[in-house]
């Protein structure tokens, strides 16, 4: 099953390229962006809507609802099947590296559903207590977590949740995936990020953030997305986007299947 994946750091024009390829090769776009699935979170996340192409993956759930990589993989796979049935080319585009990797090769833990009762108990524990519990349950997983994950209570809780349940993999789907990576020198990326943030502020990003804060609790996971958690400090938002771009580059460079192009 043929599939094109366009990836790379933020502000490299991935959606624009996807739209151009979709028009040329009768393609349909699937967004793989963990922020753009939320309704009403449009300006800060930069939902580009090129004319003449369809994009699946925007506005799937409310900001108050959960949407995990497991949701994305299941729904995206169904969309890929539908696109193929129409005789079109699926073009997956996004910068959420973990989602892209999981789409092509789902981890064994993806079918393990959240356990609300367990989470409520674990949320009362300190980071040190969570680490000790994970070390008892899954020493290998605990040892392989990076410093950021070891300091993130949500990721520690998920690791404990996974360790307590049997694993069940999704049925394998083999994709003939062509990976395209877009990149640029860091100075160019930084300048493009600065310009893009300023454009989004001018388009009403702060008003969007204020509206969402009034309507939804700021503690919602969706409101911890880059941009929303930094606002109204625009300079801090810019710094966060630049740091995110560097993390994306580090993640994607591990994937040897990607053919890179400088913008």
Protein backbone atom coordinates (compact mmCIF):
# COMPACT_ATOMS: atom_id res chain seq x y z
CA UNK A 1 0.00 0.00 0.00
CA UNK A 2 1.72 3.17 -1.21
CA UNK A 3 2.12 6.10 1.14
CA UNK A 4 4.02 9.39 1.06
CA UNK A 5 5.14 10.89 4.37
CA UNK A 6 6.34 14.50 4.53
CA UNK A 7 8.09 15.32 7.79
CA UNK A 8 10.62 17.67 9.32
CA UNK A 9 10.81 20.53 11.80
CA UNK A 10 8.24 23.26 12.16
CA UNK A 11 8.14 26.17 9.68
CA UNK A 12 9.60 24.27 6.71
CA UNK A 13 6.51 24.37 4.50
CA UNK A 14 5.46 20.74 4.82
CA UNK A 15 1.75 21.34 4.23
CA UNK A 16 2.46 23.54 1.21
CA UNK A 17 4.55 20.79 -0.39
CA UNK A 18 1.90 18.19 0.47
CA UNK A 19 -0.77 20.29 -1.24
CA UNK A 20 1.33 20.71 -4.38
CA UNK A 21 2.02 16.98 -4.56
CA UNK A 22 -1.64 16.16 -3.88
CA UNK A 23 -2.74 18.29 -6.85
CA UNK A 24 -0.12 16.75 -9.13
CA UNK A 25 -0.60 13.10 -8.15
CA UNK A 26 -4.31 12.92 -7.20
CA UNK A 27 -3.48 12.80 -3.52
CA UNK A 28 -5.37 13.33 -0.27
CA UNK A 29 -3.64 14.76 2.79
CA UNK A 30 -3.62 13.32 6.31
CA UNK A 31 -2.35 15.66 9.02
CA UNK A 32 -0.11 14.11 11.67
CA UNK A 33 0.00 17.02 14.10
CA UNK A 34 -0.92 16.37 17.72
CA UNK A 35 -2.07 19.99 18.22
CA UNK A 36 -4.24 20.38 15.15
CA UNK A 37 -6.69 17.62 16.08
CA UNK A 38 -8.41 20.02 18.52
CA UNK A 39 -11.38 22.12 17.43
CA UNK A 40 -11.01 25.86 17.91
CA UNK A 41 -7.24 25.66 18.24
CA UNK A 42 -6.58 27.09 14.80
CA UNK A 43 -4.36 30.16 14.74
CA UNK A 44 -1.73 29.15 17.29
CA UNK A 45 -1.36 25.66 15.77
CA UNK A 46 -1.24 27.05 12.23
CA UNK A 47 -3.92 25.03 10.46
CA UNK A 48 -3.12 25.70 6.83
CA UNK A 49 -6.02 24.96 4.48
CA UNK A 50 -4.70 25.05 0.89
CA UNK A 51 -7.39 25.41 -1.75
CA UNK A 52 -8.21 22.46 -3.97
CA UNK A 53 -7.12 19.64 -1.62
CA UNK A 54 -8.74 17.73 1.21
CA UNK A 55 -7.02 17.46 4.60
CA UNK A 56 -8.04 14.90 7.20
CA UNK A 57 -6.84 15.28 10.79
CA UNK A 58 -8.01 18.79 11.69
CA UNK A 59 -10.76 19.46 14.26
CA UNK A 60 -11.32 15.86 15.33
CA UNK A 61 -12.06 16.43 19.03
CA UNK A 62 -12.81 19.19 21.54
CA UNK A 63 -9.92 20.58 23.63
CA UNK A 64 -11.49 18.88 26.67
CA UNK A 65 -11.25 15.43 25.06
CA UNK A 66 -8.31 13.03 25.00
CA UNK A 67 -6.67 12.15 21.71
CA UNK A 68 -3.68 9.86 21.86
CA UNK A 69 -1.32 8.33 19.34
CA UNK A 70 -3.50 5.19 19.48
CA UNK A 71 -6.53 7.21 18.33
CA UNK A 72 -4.49 8.74 15.53
CA UNK A 73 -3.09 5.44 14.26
CA UNK A 74 -6.47 3.70 14.16
CA UNK A 75 -8.28 6.58 12.47
CA UNK A 76 -5.43 7.43 10.07
CA UNK A 77 -5.21 3.81 8.92
CA UNK A 78 -8.91 3.86 8.09
CA UNK A 79 -8.45 7.09 6.14
CA UNK A 80 -5.53 5.59 4.21
CA UNK A 81 -7.73 2.63 3.19
CA UNK A 82 -10.50 4.96 2.04
CA UNK A 83 -8.07 7.09 0.04
CA UNK A 84 -6.67 4.00 -1.69
CA UNK A 85 -10.18 2.76 -2.51
CA UNK A 86 -10.80 6.05 -4.32
CA UNK A 87 -7.65 5.47 -6.32
CA UNK A 88 -5.86 8.40 -4.69
CA UNK A 89 -2.43 8.71 -3.08
CA UNK A 90 -2.34 9.17 0.72
CA UNK A 91 0.07 11.93 1.74
CA UNK A 92 0.73 12.07 5.48
CA UNK A 93 2.24 15.36 6.62
CA UNK A 94 3.32 16.55 10.05
CA UNK A 95 6.00 17.19 12.58
CA UNK A 96 4.85 14.87 15.37
CA UNK A 97 7.52 12.24 14.86
CA UNK A 98 6.15 9.70 17.31
CA UNK A 99 2.78 9.65 15.53
CA UNK A 100 4.42 9.12 12.14
CA UNK A 101 6.59 6.31 13.44
CA UNK A 102 3.63 4.66 15.16
CA UNK A 103 1.55 4.85 11.98
CA UNK A 104 4.12 2.84 10.04
CA UNK A 105 5.17 0.59 12.91
CA UNK A 106 2.78 0.69 15.89
CA UNK A 107 4.38 -0.06 19.27
CA UNK A 108 3.16 -3.12 21.14
CA UNK A 109 1.68 -0.88 23.84
CA UNK A 110 -0.63 1.10 21.56
CA UNK A 111 -3.74 -0.96 22.39
CA UNK A 112 -3.36 -0.48 26.15
CA UNK A 113 -6.16 1.88 27.16
CA UNK A 114 -5.91 4.50 29.93
CA UNK A 115 -6.87 3.27 33.39
CA UNK A 116 -8.61 6.22 35.09
CA UNK A 117 -8.67 4.67 38.56
CA UNK A 118 -4.97 3.83 38.44
CA UNK A 119 -4.14 7.30 37.13
CA UNK A 120 -5.99 9.00 39.98
CA UNK A 121 -3.92 7.03 42.50
CA UNK A 122 -0.65 7.67 40.70
CA UNK A 123 -1.30 11.40 40.31
CA UNK A 124 -1.01 11.72 44.10
CA UNK A 125 2.58 10.42 44.05
CA UNK A 126 5.73 12.46 43.67
CA UNK A 127 8.05 12.06 40.69
CA UNK A 128 10.52 10.16 42.87
CA UNK A 129 7.79 7.75 44.00
CA UNK A 130 6.64 7.24 40.41
CA UNK A 131 10.19 6.47 39.33
CA UNK A 132 10.64 3.89 42.09
CA UNK A 133 7.37 2.18 41.19
CA UNK A 134 8.32 2.01 37.51
CA UNK A 135 11.77 0.65 38.40
CA UNK A 136 10.10 -2.19 40.30
CA UNK A 137 7.61 -2.97 37.53
CA UNK A 138 9.78 -2.49 34.44
CA UNK A 139 13.49 -1.91 35.23
CA UNK A 140 14.43 -1.93 31.53
CA UNK A 141 11.88 0.75 30.59
CA UNK A 142 12.91 2.87 33.56
CA UNK A 143 16.60 2.62 32.62
CA UNK A 144 15.95 3.60 28.99
CA UNK A 145 13.89 6.72 29.71
CA UNK A 146 15.65 9.99 28.97
CA UNK A 147 16.01 12.81 31.50
CA UNK A 148 12.93 14.65 30.20
CA UNK A 149 10.70 11.58 30.45
CA UNK A 150 12.01 10.74 33.92
CA UNK A 151 10.94 14.21 35.07
CA UNK A 152 7.53 14.13 33.38
CA UNK A 153 4.80 12.72 35.68
CA UNK A 154 2.39 12.08 32.79
CA UNK A 155 4.93 9.93 30.96
CA UNK A 156 5.94 8.10 34.13
CA UNK A 157 2.28 7.35 34.88
CA UNK A 158 1.74 6.06 31.34
CA UNK A 159 4.84 3.85 31.63
CA UNK A 160 3.52 2.37 34.89
CA UNK A 161 0.09 1.90 33.33
CA UNK A 162 1.64 0.00 30.42
CA UNK A 163 3.83 -2.09 32.71
CA UNK A 164 0.79 -3.28 34.65
CA UNK A 165 -1.09 -4.61 31.62
CA UNK A 166 -0.48 -7.33 29.02
CA UNK A 167 0.63 -6.04 25.64
CA UNK A 168 -1.32 -6.59 22.44
CA UNK A 169 -0.02 -5.35 19.10
CA UNK A 170 -2.15 -4.01 16.28
CA UNK A 171 -2.43 -6.25 13.26
CA UNK A 172 0.50 -5.34 11.02
CA UNK A 173 -0.13 -3.27 7.91
CA UNK A 174 2.72 -3.06 5.45
CA UNK A 175 3.09 0.35 3.82
CA UNK A 176 5.28 1.12 0.84
CA UNK A 177 6.21 4.43 2.44
CA UNK A 178 8.29 7.11 0.76
CA UNK A 179 9.65 9.49 3.41
CA UNK A 180 10.40 13.10 2.44
CA UNK A 181 12.15 15.32 4.98
CA UNK A 182 12.26 19.12 4.74
CA UNK A 183 14.99 21.00 6.57
CA UNK A 184 17.06 24.20 6.57
CA UNK A 185 20.01 25.71 8.44
CA UNK A 186 19.10 26.66 12.01
CA UNK A 187 19.45 30.38 11.30
CA UNK A 188 16.92 30.08 8.50
CA UNK A 189 14.55 28.00 10.65
CA UNK A 190 14.80 30.48 13.51
CA UNK A 191 13.97 33.40 11.25
CA UNK A 192 11.01 31.56 9.70
CA UNK A 193 9.72 30.61 13.16
CA UNK A 194 9.95 34.22 14.36
CA UNK A 195 8.11 35.47 11.27
CA UNK A 196 5.43 32.81 11.58
CA UNK A 197 4.74 33.49 15.25
CA UNK A 198 4.45 37.24 14.57
CA UNK A 199 2.03 36.52 11.72
CA UNK A 200 -0.11 34.34 13.97
CA UNK A 201 -0.17 36.99 16.68
CA UNK A 202 -1.31 39.51 14.08
CA UNK A 203 -4.00 37.05 12.92
CA UNK A 204 -5.48 36.85 16.43
CA UNK A 205 -3.53 34.17 18.31
CA UNK A 206 -3.79 35.94 21.67
CA UNK A 207 -7.55 36.42 21.31
CA UNK A 208 -7.89 32.72 20.46
CA UNK A 209 -5.85 31.80 23.56
CA UNK A 210 -7.96 34.07 25.78
CA UNK A 211 -11.18 32.57 24.43
CA UNK A 212 -9.98 29.03 25.07
CA UNK A 213 -8.80 29.93 28.59
CA UNK A 214 -12.24 31.33 29.40
CA UNK A 215 -14.04 28.31 27.99
CA UNK A 216 -11.75 25.52 29.10
CA UNK A 217 -9.54 24.98 32.13
CA UNK A 218 -5.95 25.94 31.35
CA UNK A 219 -4.82 22.68 32.96
CA UNK A 220 -6.27 20.60 30.10
CA UNK A 221 -3.59 18.60 28.22
CA UNK A 222 -4.54 20.36 24.98
CA UNK A 223 -3.78 23.75 26.55
CA UNK A 224 -0.26 22.59 27.42
CA UNK A 225 0.58 22.49 23.70
CA UNK A 226 3.37 24.76 22.47
CA UNK A 227 2.09 28.29 22.05
CA UNK A 228 -0.87 27.97 24.39
CA UNK A 229 1.24 27.31 27.46
CA UNK A 230 3.58 30.24 26.69
CA UNK A 231 1.02 32.90 25.82
CA UNK A 232 0.59 35.77 26.37
CA UNK A 233 4.43 35.93 26.37
CA UNK A 234 5.21 36.06 22.65
CA UNK A 235 9.00 35.92 23.07
CA UNK A 236 8.64 32.79 25.19
CA UNK A 237 6.44 31.25 22.50
CA UNK A 238 9.12 31.95 19.89
CA UNK A 239 11.80 30.33 22.08
CA UNK A 240 9.61 27.27 22.67
CA UNK A 241 9.03 26.82 18.92
CA UNK A 242 12.77 27.08 18.22
CA UNK A 243 13.53 24.48 20.90
CA UNK A 244 10.81 22.23 19.48
CA UNK A 245 12.32 22.48 15.99
CA UNK A 246 15.65 21.25 17.34
CA UNK A 247 14.00 18.31 19.11
CA UNK A 248 12.19 17.44 15.88
CA UNK A 249 15.47 17.43 13.94
CA UNK A 250 17.06 15.15 16.53
CA UNK A 251 14.11 12.75 16.35
CA UNK A 252 13.84 12.59 12.56
CA UNK A 253 17.57 12.20 11.97
CA UNK A 254 17.31 8.75 13.58
CA UNK A 255 15.07 7.61 10.72
CA UNK A 256 17.36 6.45 7.90
CA UNK A 257 14.43 6.03 5.50
CA UNK A 258 13.96 9.79 5.17
CA UNK A 259 15.27 11.46 2.04
CA UNK A 260 16.15 15.01 3.04
CA UNK A 261 15.68 18.20 1.02
CA UNK A 262 16.69 21.69 2.09
CA UNK A 263 13.99 24.26 1.56
